C-alpha cells in the first residue's frame, strides 16, 4: 500500500499519521495494491463547528474512490471517512464487473497542478486532471460517479462511441448529456 498524508492549516503529528494509516490499512485487505492520498485540514472559519476535515482519494486497479468527512475531532473524521470508504469498497465489490469495464478503469486518472497566470477579469484554473475515457454504459458511469463522489462524470458511451456526461440533479436523480 502506498500511503501519503498531507496537512492543510495543521501540522500532521506522528500520532495522527499512524492512527490514519492503521485505520485506512483495513482497506488494503479488500483492495489490490491501493494508492491512498489522505488530506487532513482544519477550517479556519469560526462559524464552522465541524472544522476538522479528512478527505481521501484511493487509486485502485478498478475505480477511483473518494470520500470527505468533517467533524469537530480529527480522529472522528478519520473514523467516519474509513466507514464511508468501506461502504464504497463493498458496493464496488458486489457489482458485477465485465472485462471491458475493468480494462477501461485500469488507466486511473492522473492529476497535476499547472500554474496559470490569470488576466484581471478571467477566472483562475487551479487544478487540471487528466484521465482515460473508456467505453461504458450510462449505468456504469452513474456507479463511477457515485464512487468518486463528484456531481458529474464524463465517459464514452459503449453503444454510440460518443462522449457523454452523467450528472446528479437537485432532485437526487441523474441526467445524461449526449454531445452532438
N, C-alpha and C. Protein backbone atom coordinates (compact mmCIF):
# COMPACT_ATOMS: atom_id res chain seq x y z
N UNK A 1 0.85 -1.18 0.00
CA UNK A 1 0.00 0.00 0.00
C UNK A 1 0.89 1.23 0.00
N UNK A 2 0.62 2.13 -0.91
CA UNK A 2 1.28 3.43 -0.93
C UNK A 2 0.38 4.39 -0.17
N UNK A 3 0.96 5.09 0.81
CA UNK A 3 0.16 5.94 1.69
C UNK A 3 0.83 7.30 1.81
N UNK A 4 0.05 8.35 1.58
CA UNK A 4 0.58 9.71 1.67
C UNK A 4 -0.41 10.56 2.46
N UNK A 5 0.11 11.32 3.43
CA UNK A 5 -0.72 12.19 4.25
C UNK A 5 -0.27 13.63 4.04
N UNK A 6 -1.24 14.50 3.79
CA UNK A 6 -0.97 15.92 3.64
C UNK A 6 -1.76 16.67 4.70
N UNK A 7 -1.21 17.77 5.17
CA UNK A 7 -1.92 18.61 6.12
C UNK A 7 -2.16 19.98 5.54
N UNK A 8 -3.35 20.51 5.75
CA UNK A 8 -3.67 21.86 5.31
C UNK A 8 -4.15 22.63 6.54
N UNK A 9 -3.48 23.70 6.87
CA UNK A 9 -3.75 24.50 8.06
C UNK A 9 -3.50 23.74 9.36
N UNK A 10 -2.68 22.68 9.30
CA UNK A 10 -2.29 21.97 10.50
C UNK A 10 -1.03 21.17 10.23
N UNK A 11 -0.29 20.92 11.28
CA UNK A 11 0.90 20.07 11.21
C UNK A 11 0.44 18.65 11.57
N UNK A 12 0.66 17.69 10.68
CA UNK A 12 0.21 16.32 10.90
C UNK A 12 1.19 15.65 11.87
N UNK A 13 0.70 15.32 13.06
CA UNK A 13 1.56 14.68 14.06
C UNK A 13 1.76 13.20 13.71
N UNK A 14 2.80 12.62 14.32
CA UNK A 14 3.06 11.20 14.09
C UNK A 14 1.91 10.35 14.62
N UNK A 15 1.29 10.77 15.72
CA UNK A 15 0.18 10.01 16.30
C UNK A 15 -1.01 9.98 15.34
N UNK A 16 -1.36 11.12 14.77
CA UNK A 16 -2.48 11.16 13.81
C UNK A 16 -2.12 10.39 12.55
N UNK A 17 -0.88 10.53 12.08
CA UNK A 17 -0.44 9.82 10.88
C UNK A 17 -0.55 8.30 11.09
N UNK A 18 -0.06 7.80 12.22
CA UNK A 18 -0.11 6.36 12.47
C UNK A 18 -1.56 5.89 12.69
N UNK A 19 -2.39 6.73 13.33
CA UNK A 19 -3.80 6.38 13.53
C UNK A 19 -4.50 6.25 12.17
N UNK A 20 -4.27 7.21 11.29
CA UNK A 20 -4.89 7.18 9.96
C UNK A 20 -4.39 5.99 9.15
N UNK A 21 -3.09 5.71 9.23
CA UNK A 21 -2.53 4.59 8.48
C UNK A 21 -3.11 3.26 8.98
N UNK A 22 -3.28 3.15 10.30
CA UNK A 22 -3.87 1.93 10.87
C UNK A 22 -5.30 1.76 10.40
N UNK A 23 -6.09 2.83 10.46
CA UNK A 23 -7.50 2.75 10.06
C UNK A 23 -7.65 2.47 8.56
N UNK A 24 -6.89 3.20 7.74
CA UNK A 24 -7.00 3.02 6.29
C UNK A 24 -6.35 1.72 5.84
N UNK A 25 -5.48 1.15 6.67
CA UNK A 25 -4.86 -0.13 6.36
C UNK A 25 -5.89 -1.25 6.25
N UNK A 26 -7.04 -1.08 6.89
CA UNK A 26 -8.11 -2.08 6.80
C UNK A 26 -8.56 -2.27 5.35
N UNK A 27 -8.50 -1.19 4.57
CA UNK A 27 -8.95 -1.26 3.18
C UNK A 27 -8.00 -2.06 2.31
N UNK A 28 -6.75 -2.17 2.75
CA UNK A 28 -5.75 -2.88 1.94
C UNK A 28 -6.12 -4.35 1.77
N UNK A 29 -6.79 -4.92 2.77
CA UNK A 29 -7.20 -6.33 2.67
C UNK A 29 -8.24 -6.53 1.58
N UNK A 30 -9.03 -5.50 1.29
CA UNK A 30 -10.11 -5.63 0.33
C UNK A 30 -9.73 -5.15 -1.07
N UNK A 31 -8.66 -4.36 -1.16
CA UNK A 31 -8.25 -3.80 -2.45
C UNK A 31 -6.86 -4.31 -2.81
N UNK A 32 -6.60 -4.42 -4.10
CA UNK A 32 -5.31 -4.88 -4.58
C UNK A 32 -4.39 -3.69 -4.81
N UNK A 33 -3.32 -3.61 -4.05
CA UNK A 33 -2.28 -2.58 -4.18
C UNK A 33 -2.85 -1.17 -4.34
N UNK A 34 -3.59 -0.68 -3.32
CA UNK A 34 -4.15 0.67 -3.43
C UNK A 34 -3.09 1.74 -3.19
N UNK A 35 -3.31 2.89 -3.80
CA UNK A 35 -2.50 4.08 -3.51
C UNK A 35 -3.45 5.07 -2.85
N UNK A 36 -3.15 5.42 -1.60
CA UNK A 36 -4.05 6.24 -0.81
C UNK A 36 -3.41 7.60 -0.55
N UNK A 37 -4.17 8.64 -0.84
CA UNK A 37 -3.76 10.00 -0.53
C UNK A 37 -4.78 10.59 0.43
N UNK A 38 -4.31 10.94 1.63
CA UNK A 38 -5.18 11.48 2.67
C UNK A 38 -4.81 12.92 2.92
N UNK A 39 -5.81 13.79 2.90
CA UNK A 39 -5.58 15.20 3.21
C UNK A 39 -6.37 15.56 4.45
N UNK A 40 -5.66 16.02 5.47
CA UNK A 40 -6.28 16.44 6.72
C UNK A 40 -6.22 17.95 6.79
N UNK A 41 -7.32 18.58 7.18
CA UNK A 41 -7.39 20.03 7.19
C UNK A 41 -8.19 20.51 8.38
N UNK A 42 -7.88 21.73 8.80
CA UNK A 42 -8.66 22.41 9.82
C UNK A 42 -9.16 23.70 9.19
N UNK A 43 -10.49 23.83 9.13
CA UNK A 43 -11.09 25.03 8.56
C UNK A 43 -10.92 26.17 9.55
N UNK A 44 -10.47 27.31 9.08
CA UNK A 44 -10.20 28.46 9.94
C UNK A 44 -11.43 29.30 10.24
N UNK A 45 -12.53 29.06 9.56
CA UNK A 45 -13.74 29.84 9.74
C UNK A 45 -14.38 29.51 11.10
N UNK A 46 -14.50 30.47 12.01
CA UNK A 46 -15.04 30.17 13.34
C UNK A 46 -16.52 29.81 13.34
N UNK A 47 -17.23 30.08 12.27
CA UNK A 47 -18.65 29.73 12.22
C UNK A 47 -18.88 28.28 11.83
N UNK A 48 -17.83 27.57 11.45
CA UNK A 48 -17.95 26.15 11.09
C UNK A 48 -17.60 25.33 12.32
N UNK A 49 -18.59 24.64 12.89
CA UNK A 49 -18.36 23.84 14.09
C UNK A 49 -17.60 22.56 13.76
N UNK A 50 -17.93 21.95 12.64
CA UNK A 50 -17.26 20.72 12.23
C UNK A 50 -16.10 21.09 11.33
N UNK A 51 -15.00 21.53 11.95
CA UNK A 51 -13.91 22.12 11.19
C UNK A 51 -12.73 21.19 10.96
N UNK A 52 -12.75 19.96 11.47
CA UNK A 52 -11.68 19.00 11.21
C UNK A 52 -12.10 18.12 10.04
N UNK A 53 -11.42 18.29 8.92
CA UNK A 53 -11.82 17.64 7.67
C UNK A 53 -10.79 16.58 7.29
N UNK A 54 -11.29 15.40 6.95
CA UNK A 54 -10.45 14.32 6.41
C UNK A 54 -11.00 13.98 5.03
N UNK A 55 -10.12 14.01 4.04
CA UNK A 55 -10.51 13.72 2.66
C UNK A 55 -9.52 12.73 2.09
N UNK A 56 -10.02 11.65 1.49
CA UNK A 56 -9.14 10.61 0.96
C UNK A 56 -9.49 10.30 -0.49
N UNK A 57 -8.44 10.02 -1.26
CA UNK A 57 -8.60 9.54 -2.62
C UNK A 57 -7.81 8.25 -2.71
N UNK A 58 -8.44 7.19 -3.24
CA UNK A 58 -7.80 5.89 -3.34
C UNK A 58 -7.81 5.47 -4.80
N UNK A 59 -6.61 5.27 -5.34
CA UNK A 59 -6.48 4.75 -6.70
C UNK A 59 -6.27 3.25 -6.60
N UNK A 60 -7.10 2.49 -7.34
CA UNK A 60 -7.01 1.04 -7.35
C UNK A 60 -6.88 0.57 -8.79
N UNK A 61 -6.86 -0.74 -8.97
CA UNK A 61 -6.88 -1.28 -10.33
C UNK A 61 -8.24 -1.09 -10.97
N UNK A 62 -9.24 -0.80 -10.18
CA UNK A 62 -10.60 -0.55 -10.67
C UNK A 62 -10.90 0.93 -10.61
N UNK A 63 -11.95 1.30 -9.89
CA UNK A 63 -12.35 2.70 -9.84
C UNK A 63 -11.50 3.51 -8.88
N UNK A 64 -11.63 4.81 -8.99
CA UNK A 64 -11.01 5.72 -8.04
C UNK A 64 -12.07 6.01 -6.98
N UNK A 65 -11.71 5.79 -5.72
CA UNK A 65 -12.65 6.02 -4.62
C UNK A 65 -12.28 7.33 -3.94
N UNK A 66 -13.29 8.10 -3.58
CA UNK A 66 -13.04 9.38 -2.92
C UNK A 66 -14.11 9.60 -1.87
N UNK A 67 -13.68 10.14 -0.71
CA UNK A 67 -14.63 10.44 0.35
C UNK A 67 -14.11 11.63 1.14
N UNK A 68 -15.07 12.33 1.80
CA UNK A 68 -14.73 13.51 2.60
C UNK A 68 -15.65 13.51 3.81
N UNK A 69 -15.08 13.72 4.98
CA UNK A 69 -15.86 13.80 6.21
C UNK A 69 -15.34 14.95 7.06
N UNK A 70 -16.24 15.60 7.78
CA UNK A 70 -15.88 16.70 8.66
C UNK A 70 -16.61 16.55 9.99
N UNK A 71 -15.87 16.64 11.09
CA UNK A 71 -16.44 16.64 12.43
C UNK A 71 -15.66 17.64 13.28
N UNK A 72 -15.96 17.67 14.56
CA UNK A 72 -15.23 18.57 15.46
C UNK A 72 -13.96 17.94 16.01
N UNK A 73 -13.69 16.66 15.67
CA UNK A 73 -12.50 15.96 16.13
C UNK A 73 -11.86 15.23 14.95
N UNK A 74 -10.54 15.33 14.80
CA UNK A 74 -9.87 14.75 13.63
C UNK A 74 -9.98 13.23 13.63
N UNK A 75 -9.85 12.58 14.78
CA UNK A 75 -9.95 11.12 14.82
C UNK A 75 -11.35 10.65 14.42
N UNK A 76 -12.37 11.37 14.85
CA UNK A 76 -13.74 11.03 14.46
C UNK A 76 -13.93 11.22 12.95
N UNK A 77 -13.33 12.26 12.40
CA UNK A 77 -13.41 12.48 10.95
C UNK A 77 -12.77 11.32 10.20
N UNK A 78 -11.62 10.86 10.69
CA UNK A 78 -10.93 9.73 10.04
C UNK A 78 -11.78 8.47 10.16
N UNK A 79 -12.37 8.23 11.33
CA UNK A 79 -13.22 7.05 11.52
C UNK A 79 -14.40 7.06 10.56
N UNK A 80 -15.09 8.20 10.45
CA UNK A 80 -16.24 8.28 9.55
C UNK A 80 -15.81 8.16 8.09
N UNK A 81 -14.65 8.70 7.77
CA UNK A 81 -14.11 8.60 6.42
C UNK A 81 -13.86 7.14 6.06
N UNK A 82 -13.25 6.39 6.96
CA UNK A 82 -12.97 4.97 6.70
C UNK A 82 -14.28 4.20 6.54
N UNK A 83 -15.28 4.50 7.37
CA UNK A 83 -16.58 3.82 7.24
C UNK A 83 -17.19 4.08 5.87
N UNK A 84 -17.13 5.32 5.41
CA UNK A 84 -17.68 5.67 4.10
C UNK A 84 -16.92 4.94 2.99
N UNK A 85 -15.60 4.90 3.09
CA UNK A 85 -14.80 4.20 2.08
C UNK A 85 -15.07 2.70 2.09
N UNK A 86 -15.26 2.12 3.27
CA UNK A 86 -15.58 0.69 3.35
C UNK A 86 -16.90 0.39 2.66
N UNK A 87 -17.89 1.28 2.81
CA UNK A 87 -19.16 1.10 2.11
C UNK A 87 -18.96 1.17 0.60
N UNK A 88 -18.12 2.11 0.16
CA UNK A 88 -17.86 2.23 -1.28
C UNK A 88 -17.16 0.99 -1.81
N UNK A 89 -16.20 0.47 -1.06
CA UNK A 89 -15.49 -0.74 -1.49
C UNK A 89 -16.46 -1.91 -1.56
N UNK A 90 -17.32 -2.03 -0.56
CA UNK A 90 -18.30 -3.12 -0.55
C UNK A 90 -19.22 -3.02 -1.76
N UNK A 91 -19.69 -1.80 -2.06
CA UNK A 91 -20.57 -1.60 -3.21
C UNK A 91 -19.83 -1.93 -4.50
N UNK A 92 -18.56 -1.54 -4.58
CA UNK A 92 -17.76 -1.84 -5.76
C UNK A 92 -17.56 -3.33 -5.92
N UNK A 93 -17.27 -4.03 -4.82
CA UNK A 93 -17.01 -5.47 -4.87
C UNK A 93 -18.27 -6.27 -5.23
N UNK A 94 -19.44 -5.80 -4.81
CA UNK A 94 -20.66 -6.55 -5.08
C UNK A 94 -21.19 -6.32 -6.49
N UNK A 95 -20.75 -5.28 -7.15
CA UNK A 95 -21.20 -5.02 -8.51
C UNK A 95 -20.54 -6.02 -9.46
N UNK A 96 -21.30 -6.55 -10.38
CA UNK A 96 -20.74 -7.42 -11.41
C UNK A 96 -19.88 -6.59 -12.35
N UNK A 97 -18.65 -7.01 -12.53
CA UNK A 97 -17.73 -6.23 -13.37
C UNK A 97 -17.39 -7.03 -14.63
N UNK A 98 -17.63 -6.43 -15.75
CA UNK A 98 -17.29 -7.09 -17.01
C UNK A 98 -15.83 -6.82 -17.36
N UNK A 99 -15.30 -7.59 -18.24
CA UNK A 99 -13.91 -7.43 -18.67
C UNK A 99 -13.66 -6.05 -19.27
N UNK A 100 -14.63 -5.56 -20.02
CA UNK A 100 -14.48 -4.26 -20.67
C UNK A 100 -14.41 -3.13 -19.65
N UNK A 101 -15.22 -3.18 -18.60
CA UNK A 101 -15.18 -2.15 -17.57
C UNK A 101 -13.86 -2.16 -16.83
N UNK A 102 -13.36 -3.36 -16.52
CA UNK A 102 -12.07 -3.44 -15.81
C UNK A 102 -10.96 -2.86 -16.67
N UNK A 103 -10.97 -3.14 -17.95
CA UNK A 103 -9.93 -2.61 -18.83
C UNK A 103 -10.03 -1.09 -18.95
N UNK A 104 -11.26 -0.57 -18.99
CA UNK A 104 -11.45 0.87 -19.11
C UNK A 104 -11.02 1.61 -17.85
N UNK A 105 -11.22 0.99 -16.70
CA UNK A 105 -10.89 1.65 -15.44
C UNK A 105 -9.44 1.43 -15.01
N UNK A 106 -8.73 0.54 -15.67
CA UNK A 106 -7.35 0.24 -15.28
C UNK A 106 -6.44 1.46 -15.42
N UNK A 107 -6.76 2.33 -16.33
CA UNK A 107 -5.96 3.54 -16.52
C UNK A 107 -6.57 4.65 -15.67
N UNK A 108 -6.24 4.68 -14.38
CA UNK A 108 -6.81 5.65 -13.45
C UNK A 108 -6.39 7.07 -13.80
N UNK A 109 -7.12 8.04 -13.28
CA UNK A 109 -6.81 9.43 -13.60
C UNK A 109 -5.50 9.88 -12.95
N UNK A 110 -4.83 10.77 -13.63
CA UNK A 110 -3.66 11.40 -13.06
C UNK A 110 -3.97 12.88 -12.97
N UNK A 111 -3.42 13.50 -11.96
CA UNK A 111 -3.67 14.93 -11.82
C UNK A 111 -2.36 15.66 -11.62
N UNK A 112 -2.32 16.84 -12.10
CA UNK A 112 -1.16 17.69 -11.88
C UNK A 112 -1.64 19.12 -11.81
N UNK A 113 -0.94 19.91 -11.05
CA UNK A 113 -1.30 21.30 -10.91
C UNK A 113 -0.45 22.11 -11.86
N UNK A 114 -1.10 22.92 -12.66
CA UNK A 114 -0.40 23.76 -13.63
C UNK A 114 -0.61 25.20 -13.21
N UNK A 115 0.48 25.91 -12.92
CA UNK A 115 0.29 27.31 -12.54
C UNK A 115 -0.18 28.12 -13.75
N UNK A 116 -1.18 28.92 -13.54
CA UNK A 116 -1.75 29.74 -14.59
C UNK A 116 -1.73 31.18 -14.12
N UNK A 117 -1.25 32.07 -14.98
CA UNK A 117 -1.27 33.49 -14.65
C UNK A 117 -2.55 34.07 -15.22
N UNK A 118 -3.49 34.45 -14.35
CA UNK A 118 -4.78 34.93 -14.86
C UNK A 118 -4.72 36.39 -15.28
N UNK A 119 -5.59 36.75 -16.24
CA UNK A 119 -5.81 38.15 -16.53
C UNK A 119 -6.66 38.71 -15.40
N UNK A 120 -6.88 39.99 -15.41
CA UNK A 120 -7.60 40.61 -14.31
C UNK A 120 -9.04 40.12 -14.19
N UNK A 121 -9.72 39.87 -15.31
CA UNK A 121 -11.12 39.51 -15.27
C UNK A 121 -11.37 38.03 -15.51
N UNK A 122 -10.34 37.22 -15.72
CA UNK A 122 -10.52 35.81 -16.01
C UNK A 122 -10.52 34.98 -14.73
N UNK A 123 -11.36 33.93 -14.68
CA UNK A 123 -11.31 33.04 -13.52
C UNK A 123 -10.00 32.25 -13.52
N UNK A 124 -9.56 31.84 -12.36
CA UNK A 124 -8.28 31.15 -12.21
C UNK A 124 -8.50 29.64 -12.25
N UNK A 125 -7.76 28.93 -13.10
CA UNK A 125 -7.78 27.47 -13.14
C UNK A 125 -6.73 27.01 -12.13
N UNK A 126 -7.17 26.32 -11.09
CA UNK A 126 -6.25 25.94 -10.02
C UNK A 126 -5.88 24.47 -10.05
N UNK A 127 -6.58 23.65 -10.84
CA UNK A 127 -6.25 22.23 -10.89
C UNK A 127 -6.64 21.69 -12.26
N UNK A 128 -5.81 20.81 -12.79
CA UNK A 128 -6.09 20.16 -14.06
C UNK A 128 -6.01 18.66 -13.83
N UNK A 129 -6.98 17.93 -14.34
CA UNK A 129 -6.99 16.47 -14.22
C UNK A 129 -7.01 15.87 -15.62
N UNK A 130 -6.33 14.76 -15.75
CA UNK A 130 -6.35 14.00 -16.99
C UNK A 130 -6.74 12.58 -16.64
N UNK A 131 -7.60 11.99 -17.46
CA UNK A 131 -7.98 10.61 -17.22
C UNK A 131 -8.38 9.96 -18.53
N UNK A 132 -8.24 8.64 -18.56
CA UNK A 132 -8.62 7.88 -19.74
C UNK A 132 -10.14 7.80 -19.80
N UNK A 133 -10.71 8.06 -20.98
CA UNK A 133 -12.15 7.99 -21.16
C UNK A 133 -12.44 6.67 -21.85
N UNK A 134 -12.86 5.70 -21.04
CA UNK A 134 -13.11 4.37 -21.58
C UNK A 134 -14.58 4.17 -21.89
N UNK A 135 -14.88 3.19 -22.73
CA UNK A 135 -16.27 2.91 -23.07
C UNK A 135 -16.99 2.24 -21.90
N UNK A 136 -18.20 2.73 -21.61
CA UNK A 136 -19.04 2.14 -20.57
C UNK A 136 -20.48 2.55 -20.80
N UNK A 137 -21.37 1.86 -20.14
CA UNK A 137 -22.79 2.19 -20.27
C UNK A 137 -23.11 3.35 -19.34
N UNK A 138 -24.22 4.05 -19.58
CA UNK A 138 -24.61 5.13 -18.68
C UNK A 138 -24.80 4.65 -17.23
N UNK A 139 -25.29 3.43 -17.04
CA UNK A 139 -25.44 2.88 -15.69
C UNK A 139 -24.11 2.72 -14.99
N UNK A 140 -23.10 2.25 -15.74
CA UNK A 140 -21.76 2.13 -15.16
C UNK A 140 -21.18 3.50 -14.84
N UNK A 141 -21.49 4.49 -15.68
CA UNK A 141 -21.00 5.85 -15.44
C UNK A 141 -21.62 6.42 -14.17
N UNK A 142 -22.90 6.13 -13.92
CA UNK A 142 -23.55 6.59 -12.68
C UNK A 142 -22.89 5.93 -11.48
N UNK A 143 -22.56 4.64 -11.59
CA UNK A 143 -21.87 3.95 -10.49
C UNK A 143 -20.51 4.60 -10.23
N UNK A 144 -19.78 4.89 -11.28
CA UNK A 144 -18.47 5.54 -11.13
C UNK A 144 -18.63 6.94 -10.52
N UNK A 145 -19.67 7.66 -10.94
CA UNK A 145 -19.96 8.98 -10.39
C UNK A 145 -20.17 8.89 -8.88
N UNK A 146 -20.93 7.90 -8.44
CA UNK A 146 -21.19 7.71 -7.01
C UNK A 146 -19.91 7.33 -6.27
N UNK A 147 -19.08 6.49 -6.88
CA UNK A 147 -17.86 6.04 -6.21
C UNK A 147 -16.87 7.17 -5.98
N UNK A 148 -16.76 8.10 -6.93
CA UNK A 148 -15.79 9.18 -6.76
C UNK A 148 -16.38 10.38 -6.04
N UNK A 149 -17.71 10.42 -5.92
CA UNK A 149 -18.34 11.48 -5.13
C UNK A 149 -18.39 12.83 -5.82
N UNK A 150 -18.40 12.86 -7.13
CA UNK A 150 -18.49 14.13 -7.86
C UNK A 150 -19.93 14.36 -8.29
N UNK A 151 -20.18 15.53 -8.89
CA UNK A 151 -21.51 15.86 -9.37
C UNK A 151 -21.70 15.51 -10.83
N UNK A 152 -20.63 15.21 -11.55
CA UNK A 152 -20.74 14.83 -12.95
C UNK A 152 -19.62 13.85 -13.30
N UNK A 153 -19.79 13.15 -14.42
CA UNK A 153 -18.78 12.20 -14.87
C UNK A 153 -18.81 12.13 -16.39
N UNK A 154 -17.65 12.26 -17.02
CA UNK A 154 -17.52 12.21 -18.48
C UNK A 154 -17.09 10.79 -18.86
N UNK A 155 -17.75 10.23 -19.88
CA UNK A 155 -17.42 8.87 -20.31
C UNK A 155 -17.73 8.72 -21.79
N UNK A 156 -17.22 7.64 -22.37
CA UNK A 156 -17.52 7.31 -23.77
C UNK A 156 -18.60 6.23 -23.75
N UNK A 157 -19.75 6.53 -24.37
CA UNK A 157 -20.88 5.60 -24.39
C UNK A 157 -20.50 4.38 -25.21
N UNK A 158 -20.65 3.18 -24.62
CA UNK A 158 -20.23 1.97 -25.31
C UNK A 158 -21.14 1.61 -26.49
N UNK A 159 -22.35 2.16 -26.55
CA UNK A 159 -23.25 1.88 -27.67
C UNK A 159 -22.99 2.81 -28.85
N UNK A 160 -22.87 4.12 -28.57
CA UNK A 160 -22.72 5.10 -29.65
C UNK A 160 -21.27 5.51 -29.89
N UNK A 161 -20.36 5.17 -28.97
CA UNK A 161 -18.95 5.54 -29.02
C UNK A 161 -18.75 7.05 -29.00
N UNK A 162 -19.74 7.79 -28.49
CA UNK A 162 -19.67 9.24 -28.38
C UNK A 162 -19.40 9.63 -26.93
N UNK A 163 -18.83 10.83 -26.71
CA UNK A 163 -18.63 11.33 -25.36
C UNK A 163 -19.97 11.74 -24.78
N UNK A 164 -20.22 11.32 -23.53
CA UNK A 164 -21.44 11.66 -22.80
C UNK A 164 -21.05 12.14 -21.41
N UNK A 165 -22.00 12.79 -20.75
CA UNK A 165 -21.81 13.25 -19.38
C UNK A 165 -23.03 12.83 -18.58
N UNK A 166 -22.80 12.20 -17.42
CA UNK A 166 -23.90 11.97 -16.48
C UNK A 166 -23.69 12.95 -15.34
N UNK A 167 -24.80 13.43 -14.78
CA UNK A 167 -24.71 14.41 -13.70
C UNK A 167 -25.82 14.17 -12.68
N UNK A 168 -25.56 14.60 -11.46
CA UNK A 168 -26.54 14.47 -10.39
C UNK A 168 -27.44 15.70 -10.41
N UNK A 169 -28.75 15.46 -10.43
CA UNK A 169 -29.72 16.53 -10.44
C UNK A 169 -30.09 16.92 -9.01
N UNK A 170 -30.68 18.08 -8.83
CA UNK A 170 -31.08 18.53 -7.49
C UNK A 170 -32.14 17.65 -6.87
N UNK A 171 -32.93 16.95 -7.71
CA UNK A 171 -33.98 16.07 -7.19
C UNK A 171 -33.46 14.66 -6.88
N UNK A 172 -32.13 14.51 -6.79
CA UNK A 172 -31.44 13.26 -6.45
C UNK A 172 -31.49 12.21 -7.56
N UNK A 173 -31.98 12.57 -8.74
CA UNK A 173 -31.92 11.68 -9.88
C UNK A 173 -30.69 12.03 -10.70
N UNK A 174 -30.56 11.44 -11.88
CA UNK A 174 -29.39 11.67 -12.72
C UNK A 174 -29.82 12.14 -14.10
N UNK A 175 -28.96 12.92 -14.72
CA UNK A 175 -29.20 13.37 -16.08
C UNK A 175 -28.10 12.86 -16.98
N UNK A 176 -28.38 12.75 -18.26
CA UNK A 176 -27.42 12.30 -19.26
C UNK A 176 -27.34 13.36 -20.35
N UNK A 177 -26.13 13.82 -20.63
CA UNK A 177 -25.91 14.78 -21.70
C UNK A 177 -25.20 14.05 -22.83
N UNK A 178 -25.82 14.08 -24.01
CA UNK A 178 -25.24 13.47 -25.20
C UNK A 178 -24.76 14.58 -26.11
N UNK A 179 -23.47 14.62 -26.39
CA UNK A 179 -22.92 15.67 -27.24
C UNK A 179 -23.24 15.40 -28.70
N UNK A 180 -23.41 16.48 -29.48
CA UNK A 180 -23.69 16.33 -30.91
C UNK A 180 -22.52 16.78 -31.73
